[in-house]
């Protein structure tokens, strides 16, 4: 059986996740350009990435067989002297959307970041989607981005021993 994109229904079980490699740079750039267009550079998360470089050790690529079909990046940040990571951009090839690739990337990237040294993972996104993966909304205007961001879309996932109320202030460099 196939779905509307002529992809076999069971393809989701064939998704693998691997670490980002230097040879993935062009693929990731093209995928982001196709998915988000030139407007991607105006987004608040991109403003953060202009100030702080992503951690390539935490970047991930989704694969189906030997085909790259998605990616996610993680940028080290600090808020109120608490280190964490900004997740994204998260992007999936349009042909392979809605089969679980994004969720697998988010869960693996968040797990890796918390194991490495982060106390939280922050993102700008939709709660109905990311809430299923352990993210919750922050109090509006409690976290300040370097440019405009819809305060109702700032989401966070913390280690169990971290008090969300302490993560308040401007995004700063990872300490």
N, C-alpha and C. Protein backbone atom coordinates (compact mmCIF):
# COMPACT_ATOMS: atom_id res chain seq x y z
N UNK A 1 0.84 -1.18 0.00
CA UNK A 1 0.00 0.00 0.00
C UNK A 1 0.89 1.24 0.00
N UNK A 2 0.44 2.29 -0.66
CA UNK A 2 1.19 3.54 -0.68
C UNK A 2 0.29 4.70 -0.28
N UNK A 3 0.91 5.82 0.14
CA UNK A 3 0.15 7.00 0.51
C UNK A 3 0.11 7.97 -0.66
N UNK A 4 -0.36 9.20 -0.43
CA UNK A 4 -0.55 10.17 -1.51
C UNK A 4 0.75 10.56 -2.23
N UNK A 5 1.90 10.33 -1.61
CA UNK A 5 3.17 10.68 -2.24
C UNK A 5 3.84 9.46 -2.88
N UNK A 6 3.11 8.37 -2.98
CA UNK A 6 3.64 7.12 -3.55
C UNK A 6 4.81 6.56 -2.78
N UNK A 7 4.83 6.82 -1.48
CA UNK A 7 5.86 6.27 -0.60
C UNK A 7 5.20 5.09 0.11
N UNK A 8 5.83 3.94 0.17
CA UNK A 8 5.23 2.81 0.89
C UNK A 8 4.86 3.19 2.32
N UNK A 9 3.71 2.73 2.79
CA UNK A 9 3.22 3.08 4.13
C UNK A 9 4.19 2.66 5.23
N UNK A 10 4.94 1.62 5.04
CA UNK A 10 5.84 1.13 6.09
C UNK A 10 7.24 1.75 6.03
N UNK A 11 7.44 2.78 5.21
CA UNK A 11 8.77 3.36 5.04
C UNK A 11 9.29 3.95 6.35
N UNK A 12 8.40 4.42 7.21
CA UNK A 12 8.82 5.02 8.48
C UNK A 12 9.65 4.08 9.33
N UNK A 13 9.44 2.80 9.19
CA UNK A 13 10.22 1.85 9.97
C UNK A 13 11.66 1.72 9.45
N UNK A 14 11.92 2.29 8.29
CA UNK A 14 13.26 2.22 7.69
C UNK A 14 14.08 3.48 7.92
N UNK A 15 13.62 4.38 8.78
CA UNK A 15 14.33 5.63 9.05
C UNK A 15 15.48 5.36 10.00
N UNK A 16 16.64 5.86 9.64
CA UNK A 16 17.77 5.80 10.57
C UNK A 16 18.28 7.23 10.77
N UNK A 17 18.91 7.44 11.91
CA UNK A 17 19.45 8.75 12.27
C UNK A 17 20.95 8.59 12.46
N UNK A 18 21.72 9.49 11.88
CA UNK A 18 23.17 9.45 12.03
C UNK A 18 23.68 10.86 12.32
N UNK A 19 24.89 10.95 12.88
CA UNK A 19 25.48 12.27 13.13
C UNK A 19 25.75 13.03 11.84
N UNK A 20 25.69 14.32 11.94
CA UNK A 20 26.02 15.23 10.85
C UNK A 20 27.48 15.04 10.47
N UNK A 21 27.75 15.06 9.16
CA UNK A 21 29.12 14.98 8.66
C UNK A 21 29.39 16.21 7.80
N UNK A 22 30.62 16.59 7.66
CA UNK A 22 30.97 17.78 6.86
C UNK A 22 30.43 17.68 5.44
N UNK A 23 30.34 16.48 4.91
CA UNK A 23 29.84 16.29 3.55
C UNK A 23 28.34 16.55 3.44
N UNK A 24 27.65 16.76 4.57
CA UNK A 24 26.22 17.03 4.56
C UNK A 24 25.88 18.50 4.39
N UNK A 25 26.89 19.38 4.48
CA UNK A 25 26.64 20.81 4.50
C UNK A 25 25.78 21.27 3.31
N UNK A 26 26.15 20.93 2.09
CA UNK A 26 25.39 21.36 0.92
C UNK A 26 23.97 20.80 0.93
N UNK A 27 23.83 19.54 1.31
CA UNK A 27 22.50 18.94 1.39
C UNK A 27 21.61 19.72 2.36
N UNK A 28 22.14 20.01 3.54
CA UNK A 28 21.37 20.72 4.56
C UNK A 28 21.00 22.12 4.08
N UNK A 29 21.93 22.84 3.49
CA UNK A 29 21.66 24.19 2.99
C UNK A 29 20.56 24.16 1.93
N UNK A 30 20.64 23.23 0.99
CA UNK A 30 19.64 23.13 -0.07
C UNK A 30 18.28 22.73 0.48
N UNK A 31 18.27 21.82 1.43
CA UNK A 31 17.00 21.38 2.02
C UNK A 31 16.33 22.52 2.77
N UNK A 32 17.11 23.29 3.54
CA UNK A 32 16.56 24.44 4.26
C UNK A 32 16.06 25.50 3.30
N UNK A 33 16.81 25.77 2.24
CA UNK A 33 16.40 26.77 1.26
C UNK A 33 15.08 26.37 0.59
N UNK A 34 14.96 25.10 0.26
CA UNK A 34 13.74 24.61 -0.38
C UNK A 34 12.55 24.67 0.58
N UNK A 35 12.79 24.30 1.84
CA UNK A 35 11.70 24.24 2.82
C UNK A 35 11.26 25.62 3.31
N UNK A 36 12.22 26.52 3.55
CA UNK A 36 11.91 27.79 4.21
C UNK A 36 12.06 29.00 3.32
N UNK A 37 12.74 28.88 2.18
CA UNK A 37 12.94 30.00 1.27
C UNK A 37 13.83 31.09 1.86
N UNK A 38 13.92 32.21 1.16
CA UNK A 38 14.80 33.28 1.62
C UNK A 38 14.34 33.93 2.93
N UNK A 39 13.08 33.77 3.28
CA UNK A 39 12.57 34.33 4.53
C UNK A 39 13.17 33.69 5.77
N UNK A 40 13.84 32.57 5.59
CA UNK A 40 14.43 31.88 6.75
C UNK A 40 15.46 32.74 7.46
N UNK A 41 16.11 33.64 6.73
CA UNK A 41 17.15 34.46 7.34
C UNK A 41 16.58 35.55 8.25
N UNK A 42 15.30 35.80 8.16
CA UNK A 42 14.67 36.83 9.00
C UNK A 42 14.13 36.25 10.31
N UNK A 43 14.09 34.96 10.43
CA UNK A 43 13.53 34.33 11.63
C UNK A 43 14.44 34.55 12.84
N UNK A 44 13.82 34.64 14.00
CA UNK A 44 14.56 34.89 15.24
C UNK A 44 15.61 33.81 15.50
N UNK A 45 15.28 32.57 15.23
CA UNK A 45 16.24 31.49 15.46
C UNK A 45 17.49 31.68 14.59
N UNK A 46 17.33 32.20 13.39
CA UNK A 46 18.49 32.45 12.54
C UNK A 46 19.33 33.60 13.10
N UNK A 47 18.68 34.56 13.72
CA UNK A 47 19.42 35.66 14.36
C UNK A 47 20.31 35.09 15.46
N UNK A 48 19.80 34.12 16.20
CA UNK A 48 20.60 33.48 17.25
C UNK A 48 21.78 32.76 16.62
N UNK A 49 21.54 32.05 15.52
CA UNK A 49 22.60 31.28 14.88
C UNK A 49 23.67 32.17 14.24
N UNK A 50 23.32 33.43 13.98
CA UNK A 50 24.34 34.37 13.50
C UNK A 50 25.30 34.74 14.62
N UNK A 51 24.80 34.76 15.83
CA UNK A 51 25.62 35.12 16.99
C UNK A 51 26.40 33.93 17.54
N UNK A 52 25.77 32.75 17.52
CA UNK A 52 26.37 31.56 18.12
C UNK A 52 26.35 30.43 17.09
N UNK A 53 27.47 29.80 16.89
CA UNK A 53 27.57 28.73 15.91
C UNK A 53 26.90 27.46 16.42
N UNK A 54 26.32 26.71 15.50
CA UNK A 54 25.73 25.44 15.90
C UNK A 54 26.83 24.46 16.28
N UNK A 55 26.45 23.48 17.05
CA UNK A 55 27.36 22.43 17.50
C UNK A 55 27.24 21.26 16.52
N UNK A 56 28.19 21.17 15.59
CA UNK A 56 28.11 20.13 14.57
C UNK A 56 28.12 18.73 15.14
N UNK A 57 28.67 18.56 16.35
CA UNK A 57 28.66 17.24 16.98
C UNK A 57 27.24 16.78 17.32
N UNK A 58 26.32 17.72 17.45
CA UNK A 58 24.94 17.37 17.79
C UNK A 58 24.00 17.42 16.59
N UNK A 59 24.49 17.88 15.44
CA UNK A 59 23.67 17.88 14.24
C UNK A 59 23.39 16.46 13.78
N UNK A 60 22.18 16.26 13.28
CA UNK A 60 21.77 14.91 12.86
C UNK A 60 21.19 14.92 11.45
N UNK A 61 21.33 13.80 10.79
CA UNK A 61 20.79 13.58 9.46
C UNK A 61 19.88 12.35 9.52
N UNK A 62 18.69 12.47 8.95
CA UNK A 62 17.78 11.32 8.83
C UNK A 62 18.01 10.67 7.48
N UNK A 63 18.03 9.36 7.50
CA UNK A 63 18.28 8.57 6.30
C UNK A 63 17.16 7.55 6.09
N UNK A 64 16.86 7.30 4.84
CA UNK A 64 16.05 6.14 4.45
C UNK A 64 16.92 5.41 3.44
N UNK A 65 17.44 4.27 3.86
CA UNK A 65 18.44 3.59 3.05
C UNK A 65 19.67 4.47 2.99
N UNK A 66 20.15 4.78 1.78
CA UNK A 66 21.30 5.67 1.65
C UNK A 66 20.91 7.07 1.21
N UNK A 67 19.61 7.40 1.32
CA UNK A 67 19.10 8.71 0.92
C UNK A 67 18.91 9.61 2.15
N UNK A 68 19.49 10.80 2.11
CA UNK A 68 19.31 11.78 3.18
C UNK A 68 17.94 12.43 3.00
N UNK A 69 17.14 12.45 4.06
CA UNK A 69 15.76 12.94 3.95
C UNK A 69 15.40 13.99 4.99
N UNK A 70 16.31 14.32 5.90
CA UNK A 70 16.00 15.32 6.92
C UNK A 70 17.22 15.69 7.72
N UNK A 71 17.11 16.79 8.46
CA UNK A 71 18.22 17.21 9.31
C UNK A 71 17.71 18.06 10.46
N UNK A 72 18.55 18.15 11.48
CA UNK A 72 18.30 19.05 12.60
C UNK A 72 19.65 19.52 13.12
N UNK A 73 19.67 20.77 13.56
CA UNK A 73 20.88 21.35 14.15
C UNK A 73 20.60 21.74 15.59
N UNK A 74 21.68 21.87 16.36
CA UNK A 74 21.58 22.30 17.76
C UNK A 74 22.61 23.41 17.99
N UNK A 75 22.15 24.51 18.56
CA UNK A 75 23.01 25.66 18.83
C UNK A 75 23.15 25.83 20.33
N UNK A 76 24.38 25.83 20.85
CA UNK A 76 24.57 26.02 22.29
C UNK A 76 24.22 27.46 22.69
N UNK A 77 23.44 27.58 23.76
CA UNK A 77 23.03 28.88 24.29
C UNK A 77 23.06 28.83 25.81
N UNK A 78 22.87 29.96 26.41
CA UNK A 78 22.75 30.04 27.86
C UNK A 78 21.67 31.07 28.18
N UNK A 79 20.90 30.79 29.19
CA UNK A 79 19.89 31.72 29.70
C UNK A 79 20.04 31.72 31.21
N UNK A 80 20.23 32.89 31.78
CA UNK A 80 20.41 33.02 33.23
C UNK A 80 21.54 32.13 33.74
N UNK A 81 22.60 32.03 32.95
CA UNK A 81 23.78 31.23 33.28
C UNK A 81 23.49 29.73 33.35
N UNK A 82 22.41 29.32 32.73
CA UNK A 82 22.06 27.90 32.62
C UNK A 82 22.26 27.51 31.16
N UNK A 83 23.12 26.53 30.92
CA UNK A 83 23.44 26.12 29.55
C UNK A 83 22.39 25.20 28.97
N UNK A 84 22.13 25.41 27.69
CA UNK A 84 21.19 24.57 26.97
C UNK A 84 21.45 24.66 25.49
N UNK A 85 20.49 24.22 24.71
CA UNK A 85 20.62 24.22 23.26
C UNK A 85 19.33 24.71 22.61
N UNK A 86 19.50 25.44 21.52
CA UNK A 86 18.38 25.84 20.67
C UNK A 86 18.28 24.82 19.56
N UNK A 87 17.14 24.17 19.45
CA UNK A 87 16.92 23.14 18.44
C UNK A 87 16.44 23.78 17.15
N UNK A 88 17.05 23.38 16.07
CA UNK A 88 16.58 23.80 14.77
C UNK A 88 17.67 24.49 13.96
N UNK A 89 17.42 24.62 12.71
CA UNK A 89 16.19 24.25 12.04
C UNK A 89 16.02 22.73 11.91
N UNK A 90 14.79 22.34 12.03
CA UNK A 90 14.37 20.97 11.79
C UNK A 90 13.72 20.97 10.42
N UNK A 91 14.21 20.13 9.54
CA UNK A 91 13.67 20.13 8.18
C UNK A 91 13.66 18.71 7.62
N UNK A 92 12.58 18.42 6.91
CA UNK A 92 12.40 17.13 6.26
C UNK A 92 12.09 17.36 4.79
N UNK A 93 12.65 16.56 3.93
CA UNK A 93 12.34 16.61 2.51
C UNK A 93 10.82 16.49 2.36
N UNK A 94 10.22 17.40 1.60
CA UNK A 94 8.76 17.42 1.45
C UNK A 94 8.18 16.08 1.03
N UNK A 95 8.90 15.34 0.24
CA UNK A 95 8.41 14.04 -0.23
C UNK A 95 8.26 13.04 0.91
N UNK A 96 8.97 13.27 2.02
CA UNK A 96 8.99 12.31 3.13
C UNK A 96 8.38 12.88 4.41
N UNK A 97 7.53 13.87 4.29
CA UNK A 97 6.92 14.47 5.48
C UNK A 97 5.81 13.57 6.03
N UNK A 98 5.55 13.72 7.31
CA UNK A 98 4.44 13.03 7.99
C UNK A 98 4.62 11.52 8.10
N UNK A 99 5.87 11.07 8.13
CA UNK A 99 6.10 9.63 8.37
C UNK A 99 6.98 9.41 9.60
N UNK A 100 7.19 10.48 10.40
CA UNK A 100 7.90 10.32 11.66
C UNK A 100 9.35 10.77 11.67
N UNK A 101 9.85 11.30 10.57
CA UNK A 101 11.25 11.70 10.50
C UNK A 101 11.54 12.85 11.47
N UNK A 102 10.71 13.89 11.45
CA UNK A 102 10.93 15.04 12.32
C UNK A 102 10.94 14.65 13.79
N UNK A 103 9.99 13.85 14.19
CA UNK A 103 9.91 13.42 15.58
C UNK A 103 11.13 12.64 16.01
N UNK A 104 11.60 11.75 15.15
CA UNK A 104 12.81 10.98 15.49
C UNK A 104 14.02 11.90 15.62
N UNK A 105 14.14 12.87 14.73
CA UNK A 105 15.25 13.82 14.82
C UNK A 105 15.18 14.64 16.10
N UNK A 106 13.99 15.14 16.44
CA UNK A 106 13.83 15.96 17.65
C UNK A 106 14.19 15.16 18.90
N UNK A 107 13.64 13.98 19.02
CA UNK A 107 13.89 13.16 20.20
C UNK A 107 15.36 12.80 20.35
N UNK A 108 16.01 12.42 19.25
CA UNK A 108 17.42 12.06 19.33
C UNK A 108 18.29 13.28 19.61
N UNK A 109 18.02 14.40 18.95
CA UNK A 109 18.82 15.62 19.16
C UNK A 109 18.68 16.12 20.59
N UNK A 110 17.47 16.10 21.12
CA UNK A 110 17.25 16.55 22.49
C UNK A 110 17.97 15.64 23.48
N UNK A 111 17.85 14.34 23.29
CA UNK A 111 18.52 13.39 24.16
C UNK A 111 20.04 13.59 24.13
N UNK A 112 20.60 13.73 22.92
CA UNK A 112 22.04 13.93 22.79
C UNK A 112 22.50 15.21 23.47
N UNK A 113 21.75 16.29 23.31
CA UNK A 113 22.12 17.58 23.91
C UNK A 113 22.09 17.51 25.43
N UNK A 114 21.09 16.88 25.98
CA UNK A 114 20.99 16.78 27.44
C UNK A 114 22.09 15.88 28.00
N UNK A 115 22.47 14.85 27.25
CA UNK A 115 23.57 13.98 27.69
C UNK A 115 24.92 14.70 27.61
N UNK A 116 25.07 15.55 26.59
CA UNK A 116 26.37 16.21 26.39
C UNK A 116 26.66 17.21 27.49
N UNK A 117 25.74 18.09 27.79
CA UNK A 117 25.99 19.09 28.84
C UNK A 117 24.87 20.10 28.97
N UNK A 118 23.86 19.98 28.17
CA UNK A 118 22.77 20.94 28.24
C UNK A 118 21.79 20.60 29.36
N UNK A 119 21.23 21.64 29.94
CA UNK A 119 20.22 21.46 30.98
C UNK A 119 18.80 21.56 30.40
N UNK A 120 18.72 22.12 29.18
CA UNK A 120 17.41 22.28 28.54
C UNK A 120 17.60 22.34 27.02
N UNK A 121 16.50 22.12 26.31
CA UNK A 121 16.45 22.34 24.87
C UNK A 121 15.30 23.31 24.63
N UNK A 122 15.58 24.35 23.87
CA UNK A 122 14.63 25.41 23.56
C UNK A 122 14.34 25.37 22.07
N UNK A 123 13.13 25.74 21.67
CA UNK A 123 12.81 25.85 20.26
C UNK A 123 11.65 26.82 20.08
N UNK A 124 11.45 27.22 18.84
CA UNK A 124 10.28 28.02 18.48
C UNK A 124 9.46 27.13 17.57
N UNK A 125 8.26 26.77 18.02
CA UNK A 125 7.45 25.85 17.25
C UNK A 125 6.05 25.72 17.79
N UNK A 126 5.34 24.75 17.31
CA UNK A 126 3.93 24.53 17.64
C UNK A 126 3.79 23.51 18.76
N UNK A 127 3.14 23.91 19.84
CA UNK A 127 2.97 23.05 21.00
C UNK A 127 2.25 21.74 20.68
N UNK A 128 1.20 21.74 19.85
CA UNK A 128 0.55 20.44 19.58
C UNK A 128 1.50 19.40 19.00
N UNK A 129 2.48 19.83 18.22
CA UNK A 129 3.45 18.89 17.64
C UNK A 129 4.54 18.55 18.66
N UNK A 130 5.23 19.57 19.17
CA UNK A 130 6.38 19.34 20.05
C UNK A 130 5.97 18.92 21.47
N UNK A 131 4.77 19.23 21.87
CA UNK A 131 4.30 18.81 23.19
C UNK A 131 4.26 17.31 23.33
N UNK A 132 4.04 16.61 22.24
CA UNK A 132 4.02 15.14 22.27
C UNK A 132 5.42 14.57 22.52
N UNK A 133 6.43 15.44 22.42
CA UNK A 133 7.82 15.01 22.61
C UNK A 133 8.42 15.59 23.90
N UNK A 134 7.56 16.06 24.80
CA UNK A 134 8.03 16.53 26.10
C UNK A 134 8.30 18.02 26.21
N UNK A 135 7.98 18.80 25.20
CA UNK A 135 8.18 20.24 25.27
C UNK A 135 6.95 20.91 25.85
N UNK A 136 7.19 22.01 26.55
CA UNK A 136 6.09 22.80 27.11
C UNK A 136 6.33 24.27 26.83
N UNK A 137 5.26 25.04 26.86
CA UNK A 137 5.34 26.47 26.60
C UNK A 137 6.01 27.18 27.78
N UNK A 138 6.78 28.21 27.47
CA UNK A 138 7.35 29.04 28.52
C UNK A 138 6.43 30.23 28.76
N UNK A 139 6.58 30.85 29.90
CA UNK A 139 5.81 32.06 30.19
C UNK A 139 6.19 33.12 29.15
N UNK A 140 5.19 33.72 28.47
CA UNK A 140 5.52 34.74 27.47
C UNK A 140 6.41 35.84 28.05
N UNK A 141 7.39 36.24 27.28
CA UNK A 141 8.36 37.30 27.59
C UNK A 141 9.33 36.93 28.71
N UNK A 142 9.38 35.65 29.08
CA UNK A 142 10.37 35.23 30.08
C UNK A 142 11.71 34.93 29.43
N UNK A 143 11.72 34.63 28.14
CA UNK A 143 12.95 34.38 27.39
C UNK A 143 13.00 35.37 26.24
N UNK A 144 14.11 36.10 26.18
CA UNK A 144 14.24 37.18 25.20
C UNK A 144 15.18 36.75 24.07
N UNK A 145 14.67 36.75 22.85
CA UNK A 145 15.45 36.46 21.66
C UNK A 145 16.04 37.76 21.12
N UNK A 146 17.08 37.67 20.27
CA UNK A 146 17.70 38.89 19.74
C UNK A 146 16.85 39.64 18.72
N UNK A 147 15.75 39.06 18.28
CA UNK A 147 14.81 39.75 17.40
C UNK A 147 13.42 39.20 17.68
N UNK A 148 12.43 39.75 16.99
CA UNK A 148 11.04 39.36 17.26
C UNK A 148 10.83 37.87 17.12
N UNK A 149 10.07 37.33 18.06
CA UNK A 149 9.63 35.94 17.99
C UNK A 149 8.24 35.90 18.62
N UNK A 150 7.37 35.07 18.09
CA UNK A 150 6.05 34.88 18.67
C UNK A 150 6.24 34.22 20.03
N UNK A 151 6.01 34.97 21.07
CA UNK A 151 6.25 34.49 22.44
C UNK A 151 5.42 33.27 22.81
N UNK A 152 4.33 33.06 22.12
CA UNK A 152 3.47 31.90 22.40
C UNK A 152 3.99 30.62 21.75
N UNK A 153 5.09 30.74 20.99
CA UNK A 153 5.65 29.57 20.31
C UNK A 153 7.00 29.15 20.88
N UNK A 154 7.44 29.80 21.97
CA UNK A 154 8.70 29.40 22.58
C UNK A 154 8.43 28.21 23.50
N UNK A 155 9.10 27.11 23.21
CA UNK A 155 8.89 25.86 23.93
C UNK A 155 10.20 25.38 24.51
N UNK A 156 10.10 24.60 25.58
CA UNK A 156 11.30 24.13 26.27
C UNK A 156 11.09 22.72 26.80
N UNK A 157 12.18 21.99 26.86
CA UNK A 157 12.22 20.68 27.50
C UNK A 157 13.46 20.70 28.40
N UNK A 158 13.26 20.45 29.68
CA UNK A 158 14.36 20.53 30.67
C UNK A 158 14.67 19.17 31.27
N UNK A 159 15.88 19.05 31.80
CA UNK A 159 16.19 17.90 32.63
C UNK A 159 15.26 17.93 33.84
N UNK A 160 14.94 16.78 34.40
CA UNK A 160 13.97 16.74 35.51
C UNK A 160 14.35 17.59 36.72
N UNK A 161 15.64 17.76 36.97
CA UNK A 161 16.05 18.50 38.16
C UNK A 161 16.19 20.01 37.92
N UNK A 162 15.83 20.49 36.75
CA UNK A 162 15.93 21.91 36.43
C UNK A 162 14.56 22.58 36.63
N UNK A 163 14.57 23.68 37.37
CA UNK A 163 13.35 24.44 37.61
C UNK A 163 13.16 25.43 36.45
N UNK A 164 12.11 25.21 35.68
CA UNK A 164 11.81 26.05 34.52
C UNK A 164 11.73 27.53 34.90
N UNK A 165 11.28 27.84 36.11
CA UNK A 165 11.15 29.22 36.56
C UNK A 165 12.50 29.94 36.63
N UNK A 166 13.59 29.19 36.67
CA UNK A 166 14.93 29.80 36.73
C UNK A 166 15.48 30.15 35.35
N UNK A 167 14.86 29.66 34.32
CA UNK A 167 15.33 29.92 32.96
C UNK A 167 14.57 31.13 32.42
N UNK A 168 15.07 32.29 32.79
CA UNK A 168 14.44 33.56 32.48
C UNK A 168 15.52 34.54 32.07
N UNK A 169 15.32 35.24 30.96
CA UNK A 169 16.26 36.27 30.55
C UNK A 169 16.60 36.17 29.07
N UNK A 170 17.70 36.84 28.70
CA UNK A 170 18.14 36.88 27.31
C UNK A 170 18.95 35.65 26.94
N UNK A 171 18.85 35.26 25.66
CA UNK A 171 19.71 34.22 25.14
C UNK A 171 21.12 34.78 25.07
N UNK A 172 22.05 34.03 25.61
CA UNK A 172 23.45 34.44 25.64
C UNK A 172 24.32 33.30 25.16
N UNK A 173 25.61 33.57 25.10
CA UNK A 173 26.57 32.54 24.70
C UNK A 173 26.63 31.44 25.75
N UNK A 174 26.79 30.23 25.27
CA UNK A 174 26.97 29.05 26.13
C UNK A 174 28.20 29.28 27.00
N UNK A 175 28.08 29.03 28.28
CA UNK A 175 29.18 29.29 29.22
C UNK A 175 30.07 28.06 29.35
